[in-house]
Amino acid sequence: MKSINKIILIGRLGAKPEGRYTPNGVSTATFSLATNETWYDNEKNKHEHTEWHNVVCFHKNADFASQYLDKGQLIYVEGSIRSRVWTNTQKEQKKIVEVIASQITPLNNTN
């Protein structure tokens, strides 16, 4: 059986996507996406949790994100999860988990 690496998120943009180009000229964009959950405990106390996701997109998705998406906008993101490790200037090893977006759809035009 094959494995599957797929994620679907609906959330709000934390900031306007940052567009860049790789040294090879490939357009990329990165942004943070907040998803929220709310629940009530046995004593009927309300609890909320916000999870922040690092999203990366390439090519036409990157061009679209950097041109048309804005902070606070509700969007649908479909993609896969990828982690990467690097060493910073202080020689510390860092790890980040990112969503590599294959599809981005705005769900509203207002914040």
C-alpha atoms as a PDB file:
ATOM      1  CA  MET A   1       0.000   0.000   0.000  1.00  0.00           C
ATOM      2  CA  LYS A   2       1.229   3.496  -0.823  1.00  0.00           C
ATOM      3  CA  SER A   3       1.510   6.150   1.842  1.00  0.00           C
ATOM      4  CA  ILE A   4      -0.313   9.479   1.722  1.00  0.00           C
ATOM      5  CA  ASN A   5       0.926  12.895   2.793  1.00  0.00           C
ATOM      6  CA  LYS A   6      -2.023  15.264   2.402  1.00  0.00           C
ATOM      7  CA  ILE A   7      -3.297  18.146   4.488  1.00  0.00           C
ATOM      8  CA  ILE A   8      -6.360  20.347   4.121  1.00  0.00           C
ATOM      9  CA  LEU A   9      -6.609  23.558   6.124  1.00  0.00           C
ATOM     10  CA  ILE A  10      -9.157  26.359   6.317  1.00  0.00           C
ATOM     11  CA  GLY A  11      -7.893  29.344   8.245  1.00  0.00           C
ATOM     12  CA  ARG A  12      -6.968  33.008   8.292  1.00  0.00           C
ATOM     13  CA  LEU A  13      -3.758  34.548   7.029  1.00  0.00           C
ATOM     14  CA  GLY A  14      -1.510  35.923   9.759  1.00  0.00           C
ATOM     15  CA  ALA A  15       0.087  38.461   7.398  1.00  0.00           C
ATOM     16  CA  LYS A  16       0.287  39.279   3.707  1.00  0.00           C
ATOM     17  CA  PRO A  17       2.243  36.533   1.906  1.00  0.00           C
ATOM     18  CA  GLU A  18       5.900  37.316   1.214  1.00  0.00           C
ATOM     19  CA  GLY A  19       6.839  36.667  -2.400  1.00  0.00           C
ATOM     20  CA  ARG A  20      10.422  35.900  -3.479  1.00  0.00           C
ATOM     21  CA  TYR A  21      12.359  34.198  -6.244  1.00  0.00           C
ATOM     22  CA  THR A  22      14.840  31.357  -5.916  1.00  0.00           C
ATOM     23  CA  PRO A  23      18.301  31.755  -7.495  1.00  0.00           C
ATOM     24  CA  ASN A  24      16.907  29.718 -10.419  1.00  0.00           C
ATOM     25  CA  GLY A  25      14.055  32.220 -10.919  1.00  0.00           C
ATOM     26  CA  VAL A  26      11.225  30.148  -9.408  1.00  0.00           C
ATOM     27  CA  SER A  27       8.628  32.293  -7.648  1.00  0.00           C
ATOM     28  CA  THR A  28       7.852  31.334  -4.057  1.00  0.00           C
ATOM     29  CA  ALA A  29       5.617  32.762  -1.363  1.00  0.00           C
ATOM     30  CA  THR A  30       5.432  32.060   2.344  1.00  0.00           C
ATOM     31  CA  PHE A  31       2.766  32.926   4.872  1.00  0.00           C
ATOM     32  CA  SER A  32       1.375  31.879   8.221  1.00  0.00           C
ATOM     33  CA  LEU A  33      -2.124  30.454   8.519  1.00  0.00           C
ATOM     34  CA  ALA A  34      -4.109  30.288  11.768  1.00  0.00           C
ATOM     35  CA  THR A  35      -6.632  27.551  12.451  1.00  0.00           C
ATOM     36  CA  ASN A  36      -8.830  27.768  15.543  1.00  0.00           C
ATOM     37  CA  GLU A  37     -10.710  25.256  17.609  1.00  0.00           C
ATOM     38  CA  THR A  38     -13.168  25.867  20.426  1.00  0.00           C
ATOM     39  CA  TRP A  39     -14.534  23.378  22.926  1.00  0.00           C
ATOM     40  CA  TYR A  40     -16.330  23.253  26.256  1.00  0.00           C
ATOM     41  CA  ASP A  41     -15.201  21.152  29.209  1.00  0.00           C
ATOM     42  CA  ASN A  42     -17.460  19.243  31.616  1.00  0.00           C
ATOM     43  CA  GLU A  43     -18.016  22.414  33.672  1.00  0.00           C
ATOM     44  CA  LYS A  44     -19.133  24.243  30.491  1.00  0.00           C
ATOM     45  CA  ASN A  45     -16.011  26.443  30.468  1.00  0.00           C
ATOM     46  CA  LYS A  46     -15.106  27.592  26.983  1.00  0.00           C
ATOM     47  CA  HIS A  47     -11.587  26.818  25.727  1.00  0.00           C
ATOM     48  CA  GLU A  48      -9.933  28.025  22.554  1.00  0.00           C
ATOM     49  CA  HIS A  49      -6.728  27.024  20.783  1.00  0.00           C
ATOM     50  CA  THR A  50      -5.070  28.603  17.762  1.00  0.00           C
ATOM     51  CA  GLU A  51      -2.563  26.591  15.747  1.00  0.00           C
ATOM     52  CA  TRP A  52      -0.178  28.445  13.410  1.00  0.00           C
ATOM     53  CA  HIS A  53       0.937  26.743  10.200  1.00  0.00           C
ATOM     54  CA  ASN A  54       3.888  27.786   8.013  1.00  0.00           C
ATOM     55  CA  VAL A  55       2.789  27.596   4.374  1.00  0.00           C
ATOM     56  CA  VAL A  56       5.061  27.645   1.300  1.00  0.00           C
ATOM     57  CA  CYS A  57       3.907  27.750  -2.300  1.00  0.00           C
ATOM     58  CA  PHE A  58       5.641  27.869  -5.664  1.00  0.00           C
ATOM     59  CA  HIS A  59       5.088  29.001  -9.254  1.00  0.00           C
ATOM     60  CA  LYS A  60       1.547  30.216 -10.069  1.00  0.00           C
ATOM     61  CA  ASN A  61       0.292  29.567  -6.534  1.00  0.00           C
ATOM     62  CA  ALA A  62       3.064  31.814  -5.219  1.00  0.00           C
ATOM     63  CA  ASP A  63       2.271  34.553  -7.733  1.00  0.00           C
ATOM     64  CA  PHE A  64      -1.426  34.347  -6.831  1.00  0.00           C
ATOM     65  CA  ALA A  65      -0.779  34.365  -3.066  1.00  0.00           C
ATOM     66  CA  SER A  66       1.586  37.339  -3.094  1.00  0.00           C
ATOM     67  CA  GLN A  67      -0.646  39.355  -5.431  1.00  0.00           C
ATOM     68  CA  TYR A  68      -4.182  38.631  -4.213  1.00  0.00           C
ATOM     69  CA  LEU A  69      -4.112  37.387  -0.614  1.00  0.00           C
ATOM     70  CA  ASP A  70      -4.032  39.645   2.421  1.00  0.00           C
ATOM     71  CA  LYS A  71      -3.797  39.489   6.204  1.00  0.00           C
ATOM     72  CA  GLY A  72      -6.908  38.139   7.928  1.00  0.00           C
ATOM     73  CA  GLN A  73      -8.374  36.598   4.785  1.00  0.00           C
ATOM     74  CA  LEU A  74     -10.092  33.213   5.121  1.00  0.00           C
ATOM     75  CA  ILE A  75      -8.565  30.673   2.715  1.00  0.00           C
ATOM     76  CA  TYR A  76      -8.598  26.979   1.857  1.00  0.00           C
ATOM     77  CA  VAL A  77      -5.174  25.348   1.498  1.00  0.00           C
ATOM     78  CA  GLU A  78      -4.473  21.850   0.252  1.00  0.00           C
ATOM     79  CA  GLY A  79      -1.004  20.337   0.147  1.00  0.00           C
ATOM     80  CA  SER A  80       1.510  18.141   1.927  1.00  0.00           C
ATOM     81  CA  ILE A  81       3.602  18.402   5.082  1.00  0.00           C
ATOM     82  CA  ARG A  82       7.362  18.689   4.825  1.00  0.00           C
ATOM     83  CA  SER A  83      10.018  19.202   7.500  1.00  0.00           C
ATOM     84  CA  ARG A  84      13.505  20.531   7.007  1.00  0.00           C
ATOM     85  CA  VAL A  85      16.543  20.958   9.219  1.00  0.00           C
ATOM     86  CA  TRP A  86      19.271  23.594   8.991  1.00  0.00           C
ATOM     87  CA  THR A  87      22.051  25.090  11.102  1.00  0.00           C
ATOM     88  CA  ASN A  88      21.805  28.776  11.995  1.00  0.00           C
ATOM     89  CA  THR A  89      24.686  31.246  12.369  1.00  0.00           C
ATOM     90  CA  GLN A  90      25.098  30.289  16.056  1.00  0.00           C
ATOM     91  CA  LYS A  91      25.754  26.671  14.959  1.00  0.00           C
ATOM     92  CA  GLU A  92      22.405  25.551  16.417  1.00  0.00           C
ATOM     93  CA  GLN A  93      20.398  22.983  14.511  1.00  0.00           C
ATOM     94  CA  LYS A  94      16.841  24.147  13.756  1.00  0.00           C
ATOM     95  CA  LYS A  95      13.836  22.276  12.403  1.00  0.00           C
ATOM     96  CA  ILE A  96      10.687  23.628  10.778  1.00  0.00           C
ATOM     97  CA  VAL A  97       7.536  21.893   9.632  1.00  0.00           C
ATOM     98  CA  GLU A  98       5.860  23.471   6.601  1.00  0.00           C
ATOM     99  CA  VAL A  99       2.803  22.936   4.463  1.00  0.00           C
ATOM    100  CA  ILE A 100       3.732  22.833   0.774  1.00  0.00           C
ATOM    101  CA  ALA A 101       0.566  24.204  -0.830  1.00  0.00           C
ATOM    102  CA  SER A 102      -0.671  22.648  -4.063  1.00  0.00           C
ATOM    103  CA  GLN A 103      -4.004  24.489  -4.043  1.00  0.00           C
ATOM    104  CA  ILE A 104      -5.078  27.835  -2.536  1.00  0.00           C
ATOM    105  CA  THR A 105      -8.650  29.101  -2.683  1.00  0.00           C
ATOM    106  CA  PRO A 106      -9.899  32.345  -1.077  1.00  0.00           C
ATOM    107  CA  LEU A 107     -13.162  31.791   0.791  1.00  0.00           C
ATOM    108  CA  ASN A 108     -14.068  35.424   1.294  1.00  0.00           C
ATOM    109  CA  ASN A 109     -12.964  38.833   0.064  1.00  0.00           C
ATOM    110  CA  THR A 110     -13.270  40.698   3.341  1.00  0.00           C
ATOM    111  CA  ASN A 111     -11.440  40.370   6.647  1.00  0.00           C
END
